Amino acid sequence: MIGRLRELDLRRMLLVERSGAERAALGTAAAPLVRRLAAVDRVVASVRAHPVLAAAAVGAVALLGPRRLLAWVARAAALYSLLARKA
């Protein structure tokens, strides 16, 4: 009986050690995904903090279409960078 308990205890220790190694490997493998999800989380937090702006952006995409809106955003970014240099 005691031999069986020792055998079970040894098996448990090996499984705990293996589990720790697998957990560490999984954490390393998931690091890029965690960074991407953190970016998504920031976007979601911004949308929750500013729902009117989010609704306006969705409305602009629906009204203008994504291509036309992208062209307007590119023009606005160029204009902003020119004005920022002057100031």
PDB file of N, CA and C in Angstrom:
ATOM      1  N   MET A   1       0.823  -1.191   0.000  1.00  0.00           N
ATOM      2  CA  MET A   1       0.000   0.000   0.000  1.00  0.00           C
ATOM      3  C   MET A   1       0.869   1.258   0.000  1.00  0.00           C
ATOM      4  N   ILE A   2       1.901   1.284   0.868  1.00  0.00           N
ATOM      5  CA  ILE A   2       2.773   2.449   0.948  1.00  0.00           C
ATOM      6  C   ILE A   2       3.542   2.616  -0.363  1.00  0.00           C
ATOM      7  N   GLY A   3       3.927   1.519  -0.990  1.00  0.00           N
ATOM      8  CA  GLY A   3       4.620   1.585  -2.282  1.00  0.00           C
ATOM      9  C   GLY A   3       3.733   2.222  -3.343  1.00  0.00           C
ATOM     10  N   ARG A   4       2.455   1.897  -3.314  1.00  0.00           N
ATOM     11  CA  ARG A   4       1.495   2.471  -4.271  1.00  0.00           C
ATOM     12  C   ARG A   4       1.339   3.978  -4.041  1.00  0.00           C
ATOM     13  N   LEU A   5       1.300   4.392  -2.774  1.00  0.00           N
ATOM     14  CA  LEU A   5       1.195   5.817  -2.458  1.00  0.00           C
ATOM     15  C   LEU A   5       2.432   6.581  -2.924  1.00  0.00           C
ATOM     16  N   ARG A   6       3.597   5.984  -2.730  1.00  0.00           N
ATOM     17  CA  ARG A   6       4.827   6.631  -3.196  1.00  0.00           C
ATOM     18  C   ARG A   6       4.836   6.745  -4.718  1.00  0.00           C
ATOM     19  N   GLU A   7       4.372   5.693  -5.362  1.00  0.00           N
ATOM     20  CA  GLU A   7       4.301   5.688  -6.819  1.00  0.00           C
ATOM     21  C   GLU A   7       3.342   6.781  -7.318  1.00  0.00           C
ATOM     22  N   LEU A   8       2.208   6.898  -6.642  1.00  0.00           N
ATOM     23  CA  LEU A   8       1.250   7.948  -7.007  1.00  0.00           C
ATOM     24  C   LEU A   8       1.816   9.335  -6.746  1.00  0.00           C
ATOM     25  N   ASP A   9       2.533   9.488  -5.637  1.00  0.00           N
ATOM     26  CA  ASP A   9       3.136  10.770  -5.301  1.00  0.00           C
ATOM     27  C   ASP A   9       4.190  11.159  -6.338  1.00  0.00           C
ATOM     28  N   LEU A  10       5.010  10.195  -6.749  1.00  0.00           N
ATOM     29  CA  LEU A  10       6.016  10.459  -7.771  1.00  0.00           C
ATOM     30  C   LEU A  10       5.352  10.838  -9.094  1.00  0.00           C
ATOM     31  N   ARG A  11       4.312  10.120  -9.461  1.00  0.00           N
ATOM     32  CA  ARG A  11       3.580  10.421 -10.701  1.00  0.00           C
ATOM     33  C   ARG A  11       2.978  11.829 -10.637  1.00  0.00           C
ATOM     34  N   ARG A  12       2.436  12.176  -9.495  1.00  0.00           N
ATOM     35  CA  ARG A  12       1.853  13.513  -9.324  1.00  0.00           C
ATOM     36  C   ARG A  12       2.907  14.580  -9.486  1.00  0.00           C
ATOM     37  N   MET A  13       4.077  14.402  -8.866  1.00  0.00           N
ATOM     38  CA  MET A  13       5.152  15.378  -8.979  1.00  0.00           C
ATOM     39  C   MET A  13       5.603  15.529 -10.438  1.00  0.00           C
ATOM     40  N   LEU A  14       5.717  14.422 -11.150  1.00  0.00           N
ATOM     41  CA  LEU A  14       6.114  14.490 -12.556  1.00  0.00           C
ATOM     42  C   LEU A  14       5.055  15.218 -13.396  1.00  0.00           C
ATOM     43  N   LEU A  15       3.795  14.959 -13.112  1.00  0.00           N
ATOM     44  CA  LEU A  15       2.725  15.624 -13.848  1.00  0.00           C
ATOM     45  C   LEU A  15       2.678  17.127 -13.553  1.00  0.00           C
ATOM     46  N   VAL A  16       2.926  17.505 -12.308  1.00  0.00           N
ATOM     47  CA  VAL A  16       2.951  18.921 -11.960  1.00  0.00           C
ATOM     48  C   VAL A  16       4.110  19.614 -12.668  1.00  0.00           C
ATOM     49  N   GLU A  17       5.261  18.960 -12.711  1.00  0.00           N
ATOM     50  CA  GLU A  17       6.422  19.518 -13.406  1.00  0.00           C
ATOM     51  C   GLU A  17       6.143  19.655 -14.913  1.00  0.00           C
ATOM     52  N   ARG A  18       5.548  18.629 -15.484  1.00  0.00           N
ATOM     53  CA  ARG A  18       5.194  18.661 -16.917  1.00  0.00           C
ATOM     54  C   ARG A  18       4.172  19.758 -17.199  1.00  0.00           C
ATOM     55  N   SER A  19       3.211  19.902 -16.305  1.00  0.00           N
ATOM     56  CA  SER A  19       2.193  20.925 -16.463  1.00  0.00           C
ATOM     57  C   SER A  19       2.814  22.324 -16.436  1.00  0.00           C
ATOM     58  N   GLY A  20       3.762  22.532 -15.542  1.00  0.00           N
ATOM     59  CA  GLY A  20       4.446  23.825 -15.474  1.00  0.00           C
ATOM     60  C   GLY A  20       5.216  24.123 -16.756  1.00  0.00           C
ATOM     61  N   ALA A  21       5.885  23.122 -17.300  1.00  0.00           N
ATOM     62  CA  ALA A  21       6.631  23.306 -18.547  1.00  0.00           C
ATOM     63  C   ALA A  21       5.687  23.611 -19.699  1.00  0.00           C
ATOM     64  N   GLU A  22       4.574  22.908 -19.778  1.00  0.00           N
ATOM     65  CA  GLU A  22       3.592  23.155 -20.842  1.00  0.00           C
ATOM     66  C   GLU A  22       2.964  24.543 -20.697  1.00  0.00           C
ATOM     67  N   ARG A  23       2.708  24.949 -19.476  1.00  0.00           N
ATOM     68  CA  ARG A  23       2.139  26.278 -19.232  1.00  0.00           C
ATOM     69  C   ARG A  23       3.112  27.365 -19.684  1.00  0.00           C
ATOM     70  N   ALA A  24       4.388  27.183 -19.392  1.00  0.00           N
ATOM     71  CA  ALA A  24       5.398  28.163 -19.810  1.00  0.00           C
ATOM     72  C   ALA A  24       5.507  28.209 -21.331  1.00  0.00           C
ATOM     73  N   ALA A  25       5.489  27.051 -21.978  1.00  0.00           N
ATOM     74  CA  ALA A  25       5.566  27.006 -23.441  1.00  0.00           C
ATOM     75  C   ALA A  25       4.339  27.664 -24.066  1.00  0.00           C
ATOM     76  N   LEU A  26       3.199  27.433 -23.486  1.00  0.00           N
ATOM     77  CA  LEU A  26       1.972  28.046 -23.998  1.00  0.00           C
ATOM     78  C   LEU A  26       2.012  29.557 -23.831  1.00  0.00           C
ATOM     79  N   GLY A  27       2.519  30.024 -22.712  1.00  0.00           N
ATOM     80  CA  GLY A  27       2.644  31.465 -22.496  1.00  0.00           C
ATOM     81  C   GLY A  27       3.578  32.106 -23.500  1.00  0.00           C
ATOM     82  N   THR A  28       4.674  31.441 -23.821  1.00  0.00           N
ATOM     83  CA  THR A  28       5.614  31.960 -24.811  1.00  0.00           C
ATOM     84  C   THR A  28       4.985  31.978 -26.198  1.00  0.00           C
ATOM     85  N   ALA A  29       4.276  30.923 -26.537  1.00  0.00           N
ATOM     86  CA  ALA A  29       3.654  30.827 -27.862  1.00  0.00           C
ATOM     87  C   ALA A  29       2.515  31.838 -28.016  1.00  0.00           C
ATOM     88  N   ALA A  30       1.847  32.182 -26.940  1.00  0.00           N
ATOM     89  CA  ALA A  30       0.683  33.069 -27.008  1.00  0.00           C
ATOM     90  C   ALA A  30       1.040  34.544 -26.857  1.00  0.00           C
ATOM     91  N   ALA A  31       2.305  34.874 -26.645  1.00  0.00           N
ATOM     92  CA  ALA A  31       2.696  36.267 -26.423  1.00  0.00           C
ATOM     93  C   ALA A  31       2.302  37.194 -27.578  1.00  0.00           C
ATOM     94  N   PRO A  32       2.525  36.819 -28.846  1.00  0.00           N
ATOM     95  CA  PRO A  32       2.090  37.719 -29.930  1.00  0.00           C
ATOM     96  C   PRO A  32       0.574  37.915 -29.952  1.00  0.00           C
ATOM     97  N   LEU A  33      -0.146  36.871 -29.660  1.00  0.00           N
ATOM     98  CA  LEU A  33      -1.601  36.970 -29.632  1.00  0.00           C
ATOM     99  C   LEU A  33      -2.057  37.878 -28.498  1.00  0.00           C
ATOM    100  N   VAL A  34      -1.381  37.820 -27.383  1.00  0.00           N
ATOM    101  CA  VAL A  34      -1.732  38.666 -26.235  1.00  0.00           C
ATOM    102  C   VAL A  34      -1.546  40.139 -26.590  1.00  0.00           C
ATOM    103  N   ARG A  35      -0.470  40.466 -27.322  1.00  0.00           N
ATOM    104  CA  ARG A  35      -0.249  41.856 -27.729  1.00  0.00           C
ATOM    105  C   ARG A  35      -1.353  42.335 -28.665  1.00  0.00           C
ATOM    106  N   ARG A  36      -1.744  41.491 -29.610  1.00  0.00           N
ATOM    107  CA  ARG A  36      -2.825  41.872 -30.528  1.00  0.00           C
ATOM    108  C   ARG A  36      -4.135  42.051 -29.785  1.00  0.00           C
ATOM    109  N   LEU A  37      -4.413  41.162 -28.876  1.00  0.00           N
ATOM    110  CA  LEU A  37      -5.650  41.275 -28.106  1.00  0.00           C
ATOM    111  C   LEU A  37      -5.636  42.505 -27.211  1.00  0.00           C
ATOM    112  N   ALA A  38      -4.473  42.903 -26.741  1.00  0.00           N
ATOM    113  CA  ALA A  38      -4.382  44.129 -25.944  1.00  0.00           C
ATOM    114  C   ALA A  38      -4.740  45.344 -26.797  1.00  0.00           C
ATOM    115  N   ALA A  39      -4.319  45.332 -28.059  1.00  0.00           N
ATOM    116  CA  ALA A  39      -4.674  46.430 -28.967  1.00  0.00           C
ATOM    117  C   ALA A  39      -6.177  46.451 -29.207  1.00  0.00           C
ATOM    118  N   VAL A  40      -6.763  45.289 -29.405  1.00  0.00           N
ATOM    119  CA  VAL A  40      -8.214  45.207 -29.597  1.00  0.00           C
ATOM    120  C   VAL A  40      -8.931  45.693 -28.344  1.00  0.00           C
ATOM    121  N   ASP A  41      -8.402  45.345 -27.200  1.00  0.00           N
ATOM    122  CA  ASP A  41      -9.005  45.774 -25.944  1.00  0.00           C
ATOM    123  C   ASP A  41      -8.975  47.297 -25.798  1.00  0.00           C
ATOM    124  N   ARG A  42      -7.878  47.929 -26.244  1.00  0.00           N
ATOM    125  CA  ARG A  42      -7.807  49.394 -26.202  1.00  0.00           C
ATOM    126  C   ARG A  42      -8.853  50.019 -27.120  1.00  0.00           C
ATOM    127  N   VAL A  43      -9.057  49.422 -28.298  1.00  0.00           N
ATOM    128  CA  VAL A  43     -10.065  49.946 -29.227  1.00  0.00           C
ATOM    129  C   VAL A  43     -11.452  49.821 -28.615  1.00  0.00           C
ATOM    130  N   VAL A  44     -11.735  48.685 -28.029  1.00  0.00           N
ATOM    131  CA  VAL A  44     -13.044  48.468 -27.404  1.00  0.00           C
ATOM    132  C   VAL A  44     -13.246  49.451 -26.251  1.00  0.00           C
ATOM    133  N   ALA A  45     -12.213  49.691 -25.488  1.00  0.00           N
ATOM    134  CA  ALA A  45     -12.313  50.649 -24.382  1.00  0.00           C
ATOM    135  C   ALA A  45     -12.579  52.058 -24.920  1.00  0.00           C
ATOM    136  N   SER A  46     -11.947  52.414 -26.028  1.00  0.00           N
ATOM    137  CA  SER A  46     -12.190  53.734 -26.630  1.00  0.00           C
ATOM    138  C   SER A  46     -13.625  53.859 -27.110  1.00  0.00           C
ATOM    139  N   VAL A  47     -14.122  52.808 -27.732  1.00  0.00           N
ATOM    140  CA  VAL A  47     -15.507  52.827 -28.220  1.00  0.00           C
ATOM    141  C   VAL A  47     -16.480  52.960 -27.053  1.00  0.00           C
ATOM    142  N   ARG A  48     -16.202  52.261 -25.984  1.00  0.00           N
ATOM    143  CA  ARG A  48     -17.075  52.367 -24.809  1.00  0.00           C
ATOM    144  C   ARG A  48     -16.993  53.738 -24.159  1.00  0.00           C
ATOM    145  N   ALA A  49     -15.819  54.347 -24.199  1.00  0.00           N
ATOM    146  CA  ALA A  49     -15.649  55.655 -23.576  1.00  0.00           C
ATOM    147  C   ALA A  49     -16.266  56.768 -24.414  1.00  0.00           C
ATOM    148  N   HIS A  50     -16.303  56.578 -25.735  1.00  0.00           N
ATOM    149  CA  HIS A  50     -16.808  57.611 -26.644  1.00  0.00           C
ATOM    150  C   HIS A  50     -17.807  57.005 -27.630  1.00  0.00           C
ATOM    151  N   PRO A  51     -18.987  56.626 -27.175  1.00  0.00           N
ATOM    152  CA  PRO A  51     -19.936  55.951 -28.071  1.00  0.00           C
ATOM    153  C   PRO A  51     -20.457  56.859 -29.185  1.00  0.00           C
ATOM    154  N   VAL A  52     -20.530  58.158 -28.936  1.00  0.00           N
ATOM    155  CA  VAL A  52     -21.025  59.069 -29.975  1.00  0.00           C
ATOM    156  C   VAL A  52     -20.023  59.146 -31.130  1.00  0.00           C
ATOM    157  N   LEU A  53     -18.743  59.223 -30.798  1.00  0.00           N
ATOM    158  CA  LEU A  53     -17.726  59.236 -31.843  1.00  0.00           C
ATOM    159  C   LEU A  53     -17.719  57.930 -32.627  1.00  0.00           C
ATOM    160  N   ALA A  54     -17.889  56.821 -31.942  1.00  0.00           N
ATOM    161  CA  ALA A  54     -17.931  55.531 -32.626  1.00  0.00           C
ATOM    162  C   ALA A  54     -19.129  55.469 -33.563  1.00  0.00           C
ATOM    163  N   ALA A  55     -20.276  55.947 -33.110  1.00  0.00           N
ATOM    164  CA  ALA A  55     -21.469  55.951 -33.960  1.00  0.00           C
ATOM    165  C   ALA A  55     -21.271  56.874 -35.151  1.00  0.00           C
ATOM    166  N   ALA A  56     -20.616  58.010 -34.956  1.00  0.00           N
ATOM    167  CA  ALA A  56     -20.342  58.925 -36.059  1.00  0.00           C
ATOM    168  C   ALA A  56     -19.405  58.277 -37.081  1.00  0.00           C
ATOM    169  N   ALA A  57     -18.417  57.553 -36.611  1.00  0.00           N
ATOM    170  CA  ALA A  57     -17.490  56.874 -37.525  1.00  0.00           C
ATOM    171  C   ALA A  57     -18.210  55.798 -38.328  1.00  0.00           C
ATOM    172  N   VAL A  58     -19.056  55.036 -37.674  1.00  0.00           N
ATOM    173  CA  VAL A  58     -19.817  54.006 -38.380  1.00  0.00           C
ATOM    174  C   VAL A  58     -20.755  54.660 -39.389  1.00  0.00           C
ATOM    175  N   GLY A  59     -21.380  55.751 -38.998  1.00  0.00           N
ATOM    176  CA  GLY A  59     -22.260  56.477 -39.917  1.00  0.00           C
ATOM    177  C   GLY A  59     -21.504  57.016 -41.118  1.00  0.00           C
ATOM    178  N   ALA A  60     -20.294  57.527 -40.894  1.00  0.00           N
ATOM    179  CA  ALA A  60     -19.485  58.047 -41.996  1.00  0.00           C
ATOM    180  C   ALA A  60     -19.105  56.939 -42.966  1.00  0.00           C
ATOM    181  N   VAL A  61     -18.752  55.783 -42.441  1.00  0.00           N
ATOM    182  CA  VAL A  61     -18.423  54.652 -43.310  1.00  0.00           C
ATOM    183  C   VAL A  61     -19.652  54.228 -44.099  1.00  0.00           C
ATOM    184  N   ALA A  62     -20.798  54.201 -43.458  1.00  0.00           N
ATOM    185  CA  ALA A  62     -22.022  53.800 -44.145  1.00  0.00           C
ATOM    186  C   ALA A  62     -22.437  54.830 -45.192  1.00  0.00           C
ATOM    187  N   LEU A  63     -22.272  56.098 -44.879  1.00  0.00           N
ATOM    188  CA  LEU A  63     -22.704  57.164 -45.778  1.00  0.00           C
ATOM    189  C   LEU A  63     -21.740  57.347 -46.952  1.00  0.00           C
ATOM    190  N   LEU A  64     -20.454  57.426 -46.678  1.00  0.00           N
ATOM    191  CA  LEU A  64     -19.474  57.716 -47.713  1.00  0.00           C
ATOM    192  C   LEU A  64     -18.907  56.469 -48.387  1.00  0.00           C
ATOM    193  N   GLY A  65     -18.894  55.394 -47.678  1.00  0.00           N
ATOM    194  CA  GLY A  65     -18.233  54.193 -48.190  1.00  0.00           C
ATOM    195  C   GLY A  65     -16.791  54.173 -47.727  1.00  0.00           C
ATOM    196  N   PRO A  66     -16.244  53.008 -47.558  1.00  0.00           N
ATOM    197  CA  PRO A  66     -14.900  52.906 -46.985  1.00  0.00           C
ATOM    198  C   PRO A  66     -13.807  53.530 -47.864  1.00  0.00           C
ATOM    199  N   ARG A  67     -13.907  53.402 -49.191  1.00  0.00           N
ATOM    200  CA  ARG A  67     -12.847  53.948 -50.051  1.00  0.00           C
ATOM    201  C   ARG A  67     -12.830  55.472 -50.019  1.00  0.00           C
ATOM    202  N   ARG A  68     -13.984  56.060 -50.156  1.00  0.00           N
ATOM    203  CA  ARG A  68     -14.050  57.517 -50.151  1.00  0.00           C
ATOM    204  C   ARG A  68     -13.636  58.057 -48.778  1.00  0.00           C
ATOM    205  N   LEU A  69     -14.065  57.388 -47.729  1.00  0.00           N
ATOM    206  CA  LEU A  69     -13.686  57.827 -46.388  1.00  0.00           C
ATOM    207  C   LEU A  69     -12.176  57.720 -46.194  1.00  0.00           C
ATOM    208  N   LEU A  70     -11.577  56.653 -46.713  1.00  0.00           N
ATOM    209  CA  LEU A  70     -10.130  56.482 -46.604  1.00  0.00           C
ATOM    210  C   LEU A  70      -9.407  57.603 -47.345  1.00  0.00           C
ATOM    211  N   ALA A  71      -9.911  57.995 -48.507  1.00  0.00           N
ATOM    212  CA  ALA A  71      -9.299  59.104 -49.247  1.00  0.00           C
ATOM    213  C   ALA A  71      -9.387  60.403 -48.439  1.00  0.00           C
ATOM    214  N   TRP A  72     -10.526  60.655 -47.813  1.00  0.00           N
ATOM    215  CA  TRP A  72     -10.682  61.860 -46.988  1.00  0.00           C
ATOM    216  C   TRP A  72      -9.740  61.835 -45.792  1.00  0.00           C
ATOM    217  N   VAL A  73      -9.616  60.680 -45.172  1.00  0.00           N
ATOM    218  CA  VAL A  73      -8.726  60.554 -44.009  1.00  0.00           C
ATOM    219  C   VAL A  73      -7.280  60.784 -44.432  1.00  0.00           C
ATOM    220  N   ALA A  74      -6.890  60.266 -45.595  1.00  0.00           N
ATOM    221  CA  ALA A  74      -5.522  60.467 -46.082  1.00  0.00           C
ATOM    222  C   ALA A  74      -5.265  61.948 -46.331  1.00  0.00           C
ATOM    223  N   ARG A  75      -6.222  62.645 -46.928  1.00  0.00           N
ATOM    224  CA  ARG A  75      -6.066  64.081 -47.158  1.00  0.00           C
ATOM    225  C   ARG A  75      -5.966  64.846 -45.841  1.00  0.00           C
ATOM    226  N   ALA A  76      -6.823  64.477 -44.898  1.00  0.00           N
ATOM    227  CA  ALA A  76      -6.804  65.147 -43.596  1.00  0.00           C
ATOM    228  C   ALA A  76      -5.481  64.899 -42.872  1.00  0.00           C
ATOM    229  N   ALA A  77      -4.948  63.698 -42.971  1.00  0.00           N
ATOM    230  CA  ALA A  77      -3.673  63.393 -42.321  1.00  0.00           C
ATOM    231  C   ALA A  77      -2.545  64.201 -42.956  1.00  0.00           C
ATOM    232  N   ALA A  78      -2.559  64.326 -44.286  1.00  0.00           N
ATOM    233  CA  ALA A  78      -1.531  65.115 -44.964  1.00  0.00           C
ATOM    234  C   ALA A  78      -1.635  66.582 -44.552  1.00  0.00           C
ATOM    235  N   LEU A  79      -2.840  67.099 -44.513  1.00  0.00           N
ATOM    236  CA  LEU A  79      -3.042  68.484 -44.111  1.00  0.00           C
ATOM    237  C   LEU A  79      -2.595  68.710 -42.667  1.00  0.00           C
ATOM    238  N   TYR A  80      -2.929  67.775 -41.799  1.00  0.00           N
ATOM    239  CA  TYR A  80      -2.519  67.877 -40.390  1.00  0.00           C
ATOM    240  C   TYR A  80      -1.009  67.895 -40.253  1.00  0.00           C
ATOM    241  N   SER A  81      -0.335  67.006 -41.004  1.00  0.00           N
ATOM    242  CA  SER A  81       1.129  66.961 -40.893  1.00  0.00           C
ATOM    243  C   SER A  81       1.757  68.252 -41.413  1.00  0.00           C
ATOM    244  N   LEU A  82       1.181  68.851 -42.472  1.00  0.00           N
ATOM    245  CA  LEU A  82       1.688  70.137 -42.968  1.00  0.00           C
ATOM    246  C   LEU A  82       1.488  71.239 -41.927  1.00  0.00           C
ATOM    247  N   LEU A  83       0.314  71.274 -41.342  1.00  0.00           N
ATOM    248  CA  LEU A  83       0.029  72.297 -40.333  1.00  0.00           C
ATOM    249  C   LEU A  83       0.858  72.102 -39.078  1.00  0.00           C
ATOM    250  N   ALA A  84       1.126  70.867 -38.725  1.00  0.00           N
ATOM    251  CA  ALA A  84       1.925  70.579 -37.532  1.00  0.00           C
ATOM    252  C   ALA A  84       3.367  71.032 -37.727  1.00  0.00           C
ATOM    253  N   ARG A  85       3.879  70.937 -38.944  1.00  0.00           N
ATOM    254  CA  ARG A  85       5.245  71.393 -39.213  1.00  0.00           C
ATOM    255  C   ARG A  85       5.356  72.907 -39.115  1.00  0.00           C
ATOM    256  N   LYS A  86       4.329  73.595 -39.551  1.00  0.00           N
ATOM    257  CA  LYS A  86       4.334  75.063 -39.516  1.00  0.00           C
ATOM    258  C   LYS A  86       4.317  75.583 -38.084  1.00  0.00           C
ATOM    259  N   ALA A  87       3.652  74.877 -37.226  1.00  0.00           N
ATOM    260  CA  ALA A  87       3.481  75.353 -35.849  1.00  0.00           C
ATOM    261  C   ALA A  87       4.646  75.051 -34.959  1.00  0.00           C
TER     262      ALA A  87
END
